[in-house]
Amino acid sequence: MSATYHHTLHGQRWLFDDLRAVMAKATPARSGDALAGIAAQSAVERMAARMCLADVPLPRFLNEALVPYESDEVTRLIIDTHDAAAFAPIAHLTVGGLRDWLLAADTAALTAVAPGLTPEMVAAVSKLMRNQDLVAVARQCRVVTRFRNTIGLPGHLAVRLQPNHPTDDLRGIAASMVDGLLYGAGDAVIGINPATDSITALTGLVHMLDGVVSTLQIPTQSCVLTHVTNTVQMIEQGAPVDLVFQSIAGTEKANAGFGVSLALLREAREAALSLQRGTLGDNVMYFETGQGSALSANAHHGVDQQTCEARAYGVARAFSPLLTNTVVGFIGPEYLYDGKQIIRAGLEDHFCGKLLGVPLGCDVCYTNHAEADSDDMDTLMTLLGVAGLTFIMGVPGADDIMLNYQSTSFHDALYLREVLGLQRAPEFDAWLQRMHLADEAGRLLPAAQQQAAIAQLRQIGMRA
C-alpha cells in the first residue's frame, strides 16, 4: 500500500498512510498514544514524522479531515465556522512556516489570526515546538472574558476556589470557602464538584453559593459542576445559576459518551443567558477537558490524544466560555504516564487553547498512582504562570477529599503571584481591599488586621 506522506531520514524512507498517522507519530511520547497503538515506534520515526509534518501546507488541514466530516459534528463545526479572511495572511505557510511566524508574531497578529486557525493546525504546529516555544507564544496571546469580573488580563492570574466535600455537607463546603476567600482565592469561580446528582441537593448547593456571593457582594461567579442537563433543569425551576458547566471532548462520539451534543450545549447557553445574571459580561459557560478522554471512550478515530484535545477547544470556542481548563493529570498514567509527560501536555494544552482564542486555565494535578509528585506540579505551575495561564485551582491543602487527587492549593496561587508579580481579577482585588483582607498592592494583610473580615466570613459559614 502506497503512502501519501513520506520523509527520508539518514538514508531510510519513512512512509505514513495519511495525515492522521503523521500527526500521531510526530507527537512527543506519551502513554495514551502507545496504548492506542498509534505512537511512533522509535525516536527516529518520531523525528521523521515531525520533519514530514513541517512540510505540510496549512490548507491541507481544511481538505483532509482527520475525523470524517460526514459522521462527526465537531469536524463540521470546525470546517463550517472557519474564517477564511483571518486565515488568508498565513494560508501560504506550511506547518513549519507557521511555527516561525508564531514566534515572531505580536499579540495583535495572534488575536487577528485566531479565527482562521483550526484545532488541527495548532495541534500540528505544537508538535514541532520546544517547551520554551509553547511558553513564548502562549504568553503573547490575550483572551479576556467577563461575567461579574474581568478574567485574562495581562499580568493577572485567577483562581477557582474548589471547596469540594465527599458528602456535599454545606458546613464543610462553607468552611473551605471561607478558608479560600481569606487566602484571596475565588476570582475565577467558586465551583463545587457535587457528590450527588439529586436535583434537590444540587439546587441547595446553588442557593448556598448564591447566598454567600450576594451577601458578601463578592464580584465573582459560582458554579455547581453537574451535568448540563441538571443545570438546565435547575434554571427552569428558577435556581440562581451563574455558569453552566460541562466536560467536553474533541469528537462527536466522545461527547456522546459525556451525554452531550452541540445542540444541547447551545440550549444550555441560551438558558443561562436568559437569566441575565452577569453584571460585566455574558460569558456564561465553563468547560473542562483533558487529554485521553476520547481514547478512554473508544471515540478517538485513530487520532492522537493531543489533537483530540485541541479539537475540544474548537468546541469550547464556539460557545464563548468564561472559563475552560484542562484537567491535565487527572485521567491517570494510562494516558500521561509521568511528570515529564504531564508537564509537556499542560504546556501544549495551554498553547493550543490560547492560540485558538479560548480562555484556558489548567488544573495542575496528578493521581496518586502516576509517576509524578508535587515537584513536577511546581514545575508545570511555574511554567504556565510564565506562559500567561488564565487560572488555576485552589484546593484546601492541594488534596481534593471528594475527587481523591492532588491539585494546587491556595498557597500555590500566592507563590505564583508573588514570584511572577501577578494580580487577581481587578474587581475581586478591590473587594479584598474593601474587606480589609488585602492591601492596595494586592498582598494579603496579616491575620491580626483581618479580624473583622474573618468574623463576617465565619458568620456566613455558620449559617450554611
Protein backbone atom coordinates (compact mmCIF):
# COMPACT_ATOMS: atom_id res chain seq x y z
CA MET A 1 0.00 0.00 0.00
CA SER A 2 1.50 3.36 -1.03
CA ALA A 3 1.58 6.21 1.48
CA THR A 4 0.54 9.81 0.88
CA TYR A 5 3.23 11.15 3.22
CA HIS A 6 6.88 10.23 3.42
CA HIS A 7 10.25 11.51 4.56
CA THR A 8 13.78 10.24 4.14
CA LEU A 9 15.98 10.45 7.21
CA HIS A 10 19.51 9.08 7.47
CA GLY A 11 19.00 7.20 4.23
CA GLN A 12 15.80 5.48 5.38
CA ARG A 13 12.48 6.33 3.74
CA TRP A 14 9.60 6.55 6.22
CA LEU A 15 6.06 6.12 4.94
CA PHE A 16 2.89 7.40 6.63
CA ASP A 17 -0.54 6.33 5.46
CA ASP A 18 -2.27 9.66 5.91
CA LEU A 19 -2.14 12.99 7.72
CA ARG A 20 -3.64 11.41 10.81
CA ALA A 21 -0.70 8.98 11.01
CA VAL A 22 1.84 11.76 10.52
CA MET A 23 0.26 13.74 13.35
CA ALA A 24 0.18 10.77 15.72
CA LYS A 25 3.76 9.72 15.11
CA ALA A 26 5.06 13.31 15.35
CA THR A 27 3.62 13.67 18.86
CA PRO A 28 6.03 13.70 21.82
CA ALA A 29 5.98 10.32 23.55
CA ARG A 30 3.02 9.63 25.82
CA SER A 31 1.44 6.51 27.20
CA GLY A 32 -2.05 7.15 25.77
CA ASP A 33 -0.92 7.10 22.16
CA ALA A 34 1.14 3.98 22.84
CA LEU A 35 -1.97 2.37 24.38
CA ALA A 36 -3.91 3.26 21.23
CA GLY A 37 -1.23 1.71 19.02
CA ILE A 38 -0.63 4.88 17.02
CA ALA A 39 2.58 6.25 18.55
CA ALA A 40 5.96 6.32 16.85
CA GLN A 41 7.93 3.17 17.49
CA SER A 42 11.24 4.97 17.89
CA ALA A 43 12.73 8.42 18.31
CA VAL A 44 13.94 8.24 14.71
CA GLU A 45 10.43 7.55 13.40
CA ARG A 46 9.11 10.40 15.55
CA MET A 47 11.66 12.80 14.07
CA ALA A 48 10.92 11.65 10.52
CA ALA A 49 7.22 12.28 11.14
CA ARG A 50 7.96 15.75 12.51
CA MET A 51 10.07 16.66 9.52
CA CYS A 52 7.34 15.38 7.23
CA LEU A 53 4.72 17.35 9.18
CA ALA A 54 6.78 20.52 8.97
CA ASP A 55 6.41 20.47 5.16
CA VAL A 56 2.61 20.02 5.14
CA PRO A 57 0.83 23.12 3.73
CA LEU A 58 -1.72 24.57 6.14
CA PRO A 59 -4.63 24.42 3.64
CA ARG A 60 -4.24 20.62 3.67
CA PHE A 61 -5.97 20.60 7.07
CA LEU A 62 -9.06 22.15 5.50
CA ASN A 63 -9.20 19.47 2.81
CA GLU A 64 -8.12 16.31 4.68
CA ALA A 65 -10.27 15.84 7.77
CA LEU A 66 -8.73 13.66 10.47
CA VAL A 67 -12.24 12.69 11.61
CA PRO A 68 -14.76 12.40 8.72
CA TYR A 69 -16.89 15.49 8.08
CA GLU A 70 -19.94 13.42 7.24
CA SER A 71 -20.02 11.50 10.52
CA ASP A 72 -18.72 13.97 13.10
CA GLU A 73 -20.41 17.22 14.13
CA VAL A 74 -17.22 18.56 15.72
CA THR A 75 -15.45 18.33 12.35
CA ARG A 76 -18.43 20.06 10.72
CA LEU A 77 -18.29 22.80 13.35
CA ILE A 78 -14.57 23.35 12.77
CA ILE A 79 -14.84 23.46 8.97
CA ASP A 80 -18.12 25.35 8.69
CA THR A 81 -17.06 28.15 11.07
CA HIS A 82 -13.54 28.56 9.67
CA ASP A 83 -12.76 32.23 8.98
CA ALA A 84 -11.11 32.34 5.56
CA ALA A 85 -10.34 36.05 5.80
CA ALA A 86 -8.46 35.63 9.06
CA PHE A 87 -6.61 32.64 7.58
CA ALA A 88 -5.56 34.45 4.40
CA PRO A 89 -2.34 36.06 5.77
CA ILE A 90 -0.92 32.65 6.69
CA ALA A 91 -2.58 30.49 4.01
CA HIS A 92 0.67 30.19 2.08
CA LEU A 93 2.58 28.70 5.02
CA THR A 94 3.50 25.14 5.89
CA VAL A 95 3.26 23.86 9.47
CA GLY A 96 6.96 24.60 9.93
CA GLY A 97 6.46 28.05 8.46
CA LEU A 98 3.61 28.66 10.90
CA ARG A 99 5.95 27.89 13.79
CA ASP A 100 8.39 30.55 12.60
CA TRP A 101 5.53 33.02 12.04
CA LEU A 102 4.10 32.46 15.52
CA LEU A 103 7.44 33.00 17.24
CA ALA A 104 7.76 36.39 15.54
CA ALA A 105 4.12 37.47 15.93
CA ASP A 106 2.86 40.06 18.40
CA THR A 107 -0.40 39.99 20.37
CA ALA A 108 -2.38 41.88 17.73
CA ALA A 109 -1.33 39.46 14.99
CA LEU A 110 -2.10 36.41 17.12
CA THR A 111 -5.53 37.78 18.01
CA ALA A 112 -6.35 38.53 14.38
CA VAL A 113 -5.32 35.10 13.09
CA ALA A 114 -7.08 33.03 15.78
CA PRO A 115 -10.43 32.61 13.92
CA GLY A 116 -8.51 31.38 10.88
CA LEU A 117 -6.72 28.60 12.73
CA THR A 118 -8.25 25.17 13.11
CA PRO A 119 -7.54 22.93 16.11
CA GLU A 120 -5.68 20.52 13.86
CA MET A 121 -3.37 23.31 12.66
CA VAL A 122 -2.45 24.42 16.17
CA ALA A 123 -2.03 20.81 17.33
CA ALA A 124 0.27 20.18 14.37
CA VAL A 125 2.49 23.18 14.99
CA SER A 126 2.71 22.41 18.71
CA LYS A 127 4.31 19.07 17.84
CA LEU A 128 7.23 20.95 16.27
CA MET A 129 7.78 23.28 19.20
CA ARG A 130 10.04 23.08 22.21
CA ASN A 131 8.61 23.79 25.64
CA GLN A 132 10.05 27.30 25.55
CA ASP A 133 8.32 27.93 22.20
CA LEU A 134 4.97 26.91 23.70
CA VAL A 135 5.53 29.30 26.61
CA ALA A 136 6.74 32.21 24.47
CA VAL A 137 3.81 32.15 22.03
CA ALA A 138 1.12 31.50 24.63
CA ARG A 139 2.41 34.43 26.67
CA GLN A 140 1.65 36.74 23.73
CA CYS A 141 -1.97 35.53 23.40
CA ARG A 142 -4.73 37.57 25.06
CA VAL A 143 -8.16 36.11 25.77
CA VAL A 144 -10.27 38.30 28.09
CA THR A 145 -13.71 37.21 29.37
CA ARG A 146 -16.26 38.72 31.75
CA PHE A 147 -19.25 37.79 33.89
CA ARG A 148 -19.04 39.61 37.24
CA ASN A 149 -15.35 40.36 36.92
CA THR A 150 -12.64 40.50 34.27
CA ILE A 151 -10.52 37.42 33.65
CA GLY A 152 -7.49 37.01 31.39
CA LEU A 153 -5.92 40.47 31.54
CA PRO A 154 -2.14 40.50 31.01
CA GLY A 155 -0.25 40.21 34.27
CA HIS A 156 -3.19 38.58 36.04
CA LEU A 157 -3.89 35.07 37.32
CA ALA A 158 -7.29 33.95 38.60
CA VAL A 159 -8.07 31.05 40.95
CA ARG A 160 -11.02 28.71 41.07
CA LEU A 161 -11.96 28.18 44.70
CA GLN A 162 -12.77 24.44 44.80
CA PRO A 163 -14.48 23.66 48.15
CA ASN A 164 -15.50 20.06 47.42
CA HIS A 165 -16.86 17.75 50.13
CA PRO A 166 -17.37 13.95 49.89
CA THR A 167 -20.96 14.18 51.19
CA ASP A 168 -21.82 17.70 49.93
CA ASP A 169 -22.06 18.83 53.55
CA LEU A 170 -22.91 22.53 53.45
CA ARG A 171 -20.96 23.37 56.59
CA GLY A 172 -17.88 21.57 55.27
CA ILE A 173 -18.15 23.34 51.93
CA ALA A 174 -18.63 26.69 53.67
CA ALA A 175 -15.52 26.13 55.79
CA SER A 176 -13.42 25.55 52.68
CA MET A 177 -14.95 28.61 51.01
CA VAL A 178 -14.09 30.82 53.98
CA ASP A 179 -10.55 29.41 54.01
CA GLY A 180 -10.12 30.16 50.31
CA LEU A 181 -11.52 33.68 50.49
CA LEU A 182 -9.18 34.50 53.36
CA TYR A 183 -6.31 33.46 51.10
CA GLY A 184 -7.62 35.66 48.27
CA ALA A 185 -8.83 32.78 46.09
CA GLY A 186 -12.08 32.65 44.12
CA ASP A 187 -11.88 35.29 41.42
CA ALA A 188 -12.20 32.77 38.58
CA VAL A 189 -15.20 31.00 40.11
CA ILE A 190 -16.34 29.36 43.32
CA GLY A 191 -17.02 25.94 41.87
CA ILE A 192 -18.19 22.74 43.58
CA ASN A 193 -17.89 19.23 42.16
CA PRO A 194 -21.00 17.68 43.75
CA ALA A 195 -21.07 14.13 45.06
CA THR A 196 -24.71 13.64 44.05
CA ASP A 197 -26.97 14.06 41.01
CA SER A 198 -30.04 14.81 43.12
CA ILE A 199 -31.69 17.95 41.75
CA THR A 200 -32.86 18.87 45.23
CA ALA A 201 -29.34 18.62 46.65
CA LEU A 202 -27.80 20.38 43.65
CA THR A 203 -30.29 23.21 43.94
CA GLY A 204 -29.42 23.55 47.60
CA LEU A 205 -25.75 23.98 46.67
CA VAL A 206 -26.60 26.59 44.04
CA HIS A 207 -28.65 28.60 46.55
CA MET A 208 -25.93 28.32 49.19
CA LEU A 209 -23.27 29.63 46.79
CA ASP A 210 -25.51 32.43 45.59
CA GLY A 211 -26.25 33.38 49.20
CA VAL A 212 -22.55 33.75 50.02
CA VAL A 213 -21.73 35.69 46.85
CA SER A 214 -24.71 38.05 47.18
CA THR A 215 -24.48 38.57 50.95
CA LEU A 216 -20.81 39.48 50.81
CA GLN A 217 -21.22 41.23 47.42
CA ILE A 218 -18.27 39.31 46.00
CA PRO A 219 -17.55 40.24 42.38
CA THR A 220 -17.20 36.65 41.24
CA GLN A 221 -19.35 33.83 39.91
CA SER A 222 -20.42 30.46 41.26
CA CYS A 223 -20.92 27.09 39.62
CA VAL A 224 -22.05 23.60 40.61
CA LEU A 225 -20.20 21.31 38.23
CA THR A 226 -23.00 18.88 37.47
CA HIS A 227 -24.17 17.56 34.10
CA VAL A 228 -25.51 20.22 31.77
CA THR A 229 -28.99 18.66 31.75
CA ASN A 230 -29.20 19.02 35.53
CA THR A 231 -28.21 22.67 35.27
CA VAL A 232 -30.83 23.36 32.61
CA GLN A 233 -33.43 21.72 34.82
CA MET A 234 -32.39 23.91 37.75
CA ILE A 235 -32.61 27.03 35.57
CA GLU A 236 -36.12 26.02 34.50
CA GLN A 237 -37.04 25.71 38.18
CA GLY A 238 -35.77 29.22 38.92
CA ALA A 239 -32.46 28.41 40.62
CA PRO A 240 -29.91 31.30 40.67
CA VAL A 241 -27.40 29.68 38.27
CA ASP A 242 -24.39 31.75 37.22
CA LEU A 243 -22.32 29.45 34.99
CA VAL A 244 -23.25 26.29 33.09
CA PHE A 245 -20.59 23.60 33.39
CA GLN A 246 -19.86 20.63 31.14
CA SER A 247 -16.98 18.29 30.37
CA ILE A 248 -16.38 18.21 26.62
CA ALA A 249 -14.19 16.30 24.19
CA GLY A 250 -12.97 16.58 20.61
CA THR A 251 -15.22 14.16 18.74
CA GLU A 252 -18.97 13.72 18.46
CA LYS A 253 -18.74 10.15 19.74
CA ALA A 254 -16.72 11.17 22.80
CA ASN A 255 -19.17 13.96 23.60
CA ALA A 256 -21.99 11.46 23.28
CA GLY A 257 -20.19 9.46 25.96
CA PHE A 258 -20.50 12.55 28.17
CA GLY A 259 -24.18 12.69 27.27
CA VAL A 260 -23.94 15.94 25.33
CA SER A 261 -24.21 17.30 21.81
CA LEU A 262 -23.58 20.71 20.28
CA ALA A 263 -27.33 21.32 20.17
CA LEU A 264 -27.64 20.59 23.89
CA LEU A 265 -24.78 22.96 24.69
CA ARG A 266 -26.47 25.69 22.65
CA GLU A 267 -29.71 25.13 24.55
CA ALA A 268 -27.89 25.35 27.89
CA ARG A 269 -26.08 28.54 26.93
CA GLU A 270 -29.32 30.20 25.86
CA ALA A 271 -30.95 29.15 29.14
CA ALA A 272 -28.13 30.71 31.17
CA LEU A 273 -28.15 33.89 29.09
CA SER A 274 -31.88 34.25 29.70
CA LEU A 275 -31.18 34.76 33.43
CA GLN A 276 -29.05 37.85 32.74
CA ARG A 277 -27.06 37.39 35.95
CA GLY A 278 -23.77 38.74 34.61
CA THR A 279 -23.00 42.33 35.56
CA LEU A 280 -19.98 42.94 33.32
CA GLY A 281 -20.39 40.38 30.53
CA ASP A 282 -22.28 37.40 29.17
CA ASN A 283 -19.64 34.65 29.12
CA VAL A 284 -21.77 32.02 30.89
CA MET A 285 -20.13 28.67 30.07
CA TYR A 286 -17.46 26.71 31.96
CA PHE A 287 -15.84 23.74 30.21
CA GLU A 288 -13.34 21.14 31.35
CA THR A 289 -11.27 18.93 29.06
CA GLY A 290 -8.34 16.52 29.26
CA GLN A 291 -6.04 14.56 27.00
CA GLY A 292 -7.13 10.94 26.76
CA SER A 293 -10.89 11.41 27.19
CA ALA A 294 -11.67 10.44 23.58
CA LEU A 295 -9.39 7.40 23.77
CA SER A 296 -10.91 6.27 27.06
CA ALA A 297 -14.34 6.35 25.38
CA ASN A 298 -13.03 4.46 22.31
CA ALA A 299 -14.02 7.54 20.34
CA HIS A 300 -10.70 8.89 19.03
CA HIS A 301 -10.95 7.62 15.40
CA GLY A 302 -7.23 6.85 15.40
CA VAL A 303 -6.36 10.48 16.13
CA ASP A 304 -3.68 11.17 18.75
CA GLN A 305 -4.91 12.37 22.12
CA GLN A 306 -3.33 15.81 21.94
CA THR A 307 -5.04 16.60 18.63
CA CYS A 308 -8.34 15.35 20.04
CA GLU A 309 -7.79 17.71 22.96
CA ALA A 310 -7.21 20.66 20.63
CA ARG A 311 -10.46 19.78 18.86
CA ALA A 312 -12.22 20.07 22.24
CA TYR A 313 -11.03 23.69 22.33
CA GLY A 314 -12.66 24.11 18.94
CA VAL A 315 -15.92 23.09 20.60
CA ALA A 316 -15.34 25.44 23.54
CA ARG A 317 -14.55 28.38 21.27
CA ALA A 318 -17.98 28.16 19.64
CA PHE A 319 -19.72 28.88 22.96
CA SER A 320 -17.72 31.91 24.19
CA PRO A 321 -16.96 30.44 27.64
CA LEU A 322 -15.89 32.44 30.65
CA LEU A 323 -13.56 29.60 31.65
CA THR A 324 -12.10 26.47 30.09
CA ASN A 325 -9.50 24.29 31.73
CA THR A 326 -7.57 21.16 31.00
CA VAL A 327 -7.58 18.75 33.95
CA VAL A 328 -4.20 17.68 32.73
CA GLY A 329 -3.08 14.84 35.02
CA PHE A 330 -6.45 13.71 36.31
CA ILE A 331 -7.14 10.92 33.82
CA GLY A 332 -4.16 8.89 35.02
CA PRO A 333 -0.88 7.30 33.92
CA GLU A 334 -2.54 5.20 31.22
CA TYR A 335 -2.70 8.43 29.19
CA LEU A 336 0.05 10.64 30.69
CA TYR A 337 2.49 8.33 32.42
CA ASP A 338 4.76 10.57 34.44
CA GLY A 339 5.67 14.11 35.39
CA LYS A 340 7.54 14.72 32.14
CA GLN A 341 4.51 13.79 30.04
CA ILE A 342 2.13 15.79 32.26
CA ILE A 343 4.32 18.89 32.04
CA ARG A 344 4.55 18.68 28.26
CA ALA A 345 0.81 18.07 27.91
CA GLY A 346 -0.04 21.03 30.13
CA LEU A 347 2.10 23.37 28.05
CA GLU A 348 0.64 22.02 24.81
CA ASP A 349 -2.92 22.39 26.03
CA HIS A 350 -2.40 25.95 27.20
CA PHE A 351 -0.70 26.94 23.96
CA CYS A 352 -3.37 25.37 21.74
CA GLY A 353 -6.29 26.78 23.70
CA LYS A 354 -4.95 30.31 23.91
CA LEU A 355 -3.92 30.33 20.25
CA LEU A 356 -7.47 29.36 19.26
CA GLY A 357 -8.88 32.21 21.37
CA VAL A 358 -10.11 30.10 24.30
CA PRO A 359 -9.65 31.34 27.91
CA LEU A 360 -7.56 28.42 29.09
CA GLY A 361 -6.69 27.50 32.63
CA CYS A 362 -5.19 24.31 33.97
CA ASP A 363 -5.87 22.00 36.85
CA VAL A 364 -2.21 21.28 37.55
CA CYS A 365 -2.76 17.86 39.01
CA TYR A 366 -1.90 14.17 39.19
CA THR A 367 -3.40 10.97 40.53
CA ASN A 368 -1.67 9.06 43.28
CA HIS A 369 -0.79 6.11 41.01
CA ALA A 370 1.03 8.27 38.44
CA GLU A 371 4.81 8.56 38.30
CA ALA A 372 4.61 12.19 39.35
CA ASP A 373 4.83 14.27 42.50
CA SER A 374 4.38 17.79 43.83
CA ASP A 375 7.77 18.89 42.50
CA ASP A 376 6.58 18.11 38.96
CA MET A 377 3.45 20.14 39.62
CA ASP A 378 5.53 23.06 40.91
CA THR A 379 7.48 22.99 37.65
CA LEU A 380 4.38 22.91 35.45
CA MET A 381 2.57 25.53 37.52
CA THR A 382 5.54 27.92 37.31
CA LEU A 383 5.97 27.41 33.57
CA LEU A 384 2.26 28.02 32.99
CA GLY A 385 2.40 31.14 35.14
CA VAL A 386 5.20 32.46 32.94
CA ALA A 387 3.14 31.50 29.87
CA GLY A 388 0.17 33.62 30.95
CA LEU A 389 -2.17 30.97 32.30
CA THR A 390 -5.74 32.24 32.81
CA PHE A 391 -6.46 30.41 36.08
CA ILE A 392 -5.51 27.52 38.34
CA MET A 393 -7.34 25.56 41.02
CA GLY A 394 -7.39 26.43 44.70
CA VAL A 395 -7.99 23.27 46.75
CA PRO A 396 -7.58 23.21 50.55
CA GLY A 397 -4.18 21.65 51.16
CA ALA A 398 -3.99 20.72 47.44
CA ASP A 399 -5.66 17.38 48.30
CA ASP A 400 -9.21 17.09 46.95
CA ILE A 401 -11.05 14.98 49.53
CA MET A 402 -14.01 14.32 47.23
CA LEU A 403 -12.27 13.53 43.91
CA ASN A 404 -9.19 11.97 45.56
CA TYR A 405 -6.43 13.54 43.50
CA GLN A 406 -3.62 16.04 44.04
CA SER A 407 -4.12 19.56 42.71
CA THR A 408 -2.91 23.05 43.64
CA SER A 409 -3.54 24.87 46.91
CA PHE A 410 -4.40 28.41 47.95
CA HIS A 411 -0.72 28.79 48.89
CA ASP A 412 0.38 27.81 45.37
CA ALA A 413 -1.54 30.77 43.94
CA LEU A 414 0.11 33.09 46.47
CA TYR A 415 3.51 31.73 45.41
CA LEU A 416 2.82 32.31 41.71
CA ARG A 417 1.51 35.81 42.24
CA GLU A 418 4.48 36.71 44.44
CA VAL A 419 7.32 35.38 42.29
CA LEU A 420 5.81 36.44 38.94
CA GLY A 421 4.15 39.68 40.03
CA LEU A 422 0.66 38.55 39.02
CA GLN A 423 -2.59 40.20 40.12
CA ARG A 424 -6.11 38.91 40.76
CA ALA A 425 -9.10 39.99 38.71
CA PRO A 426 -9.22 43.75 39.38
CA GLU A 427 -12.80 43.79 40.68
CA PHE A 428 -12.03 40.93 43.07
CA ASP A 429 -8.86 42.63 44.28
CA ALA A 430 -10.86 45.77 45.03
CA TRP A 431 -13.30 43.66 47.08
CA LEU A 432 -10.46 42.14 49.10
CA GLN A 433 -9.27 45.65 49.89
CA ARG A 434 -12.76 46.76 50.93
CA MET A 435 -12.97 43.71 53.19
CA HIS A 436 -9.55 44.60 54.68
CA LEU A 437 -8.13 41.27 53.58
CA ALA A 438 -5.50 42.73 51.22
CA ASP A 439 -3.59 45.97 50.83
CA GLU A 440 -3.61 48.26 47.79
CA ALA A 441 -0.85 46.20 46.16
CA GLY A 442 -2.96 43.03 46.43
CA ARG A 443 -0.85 41.48 49.20
CA LEU A 444 -2.79 39.69 51.93
CA LEU A 445 -2.80 41.54 55.23
CA PRO A 446 -1.57 39.86 58.44
CA ALA A 447 -4.24 37.87 60.26
CA ALA A 448 -4.35 40.42 63.07
CA GLN A 449 -5.61 43.02 60.58
CA GLN A 450 -8.20 40.68 59.06
CA GLN A 451 -10.26 40.10 62.20
CA ALA A 452 -13.38 41.99 61.10
CA ALA A 453 -13.50 40.16 57.80
CA ILE A 454 -12.80 36.83 59.48
CA ALA A 455 -15.71 37.36 61.86
CA GLN A 456 -18.04 38.23 58.97
CA LEU A 457 -16.96 35.22 56.93
CA ARG A 458 -17.36 32.92 59.92
CA GLN A 459 -20.95 34.10 60.33
CA ILE A 460 -21.59 33.16 56.71
CA GLY A 461 -20.10 29.72 57.34
CA MET A 462 -22.17 29.18 60.46
CA ARG A 463 -25.38 29.94 58.58
CA ALA A 464 -24.63 27.36 55.83
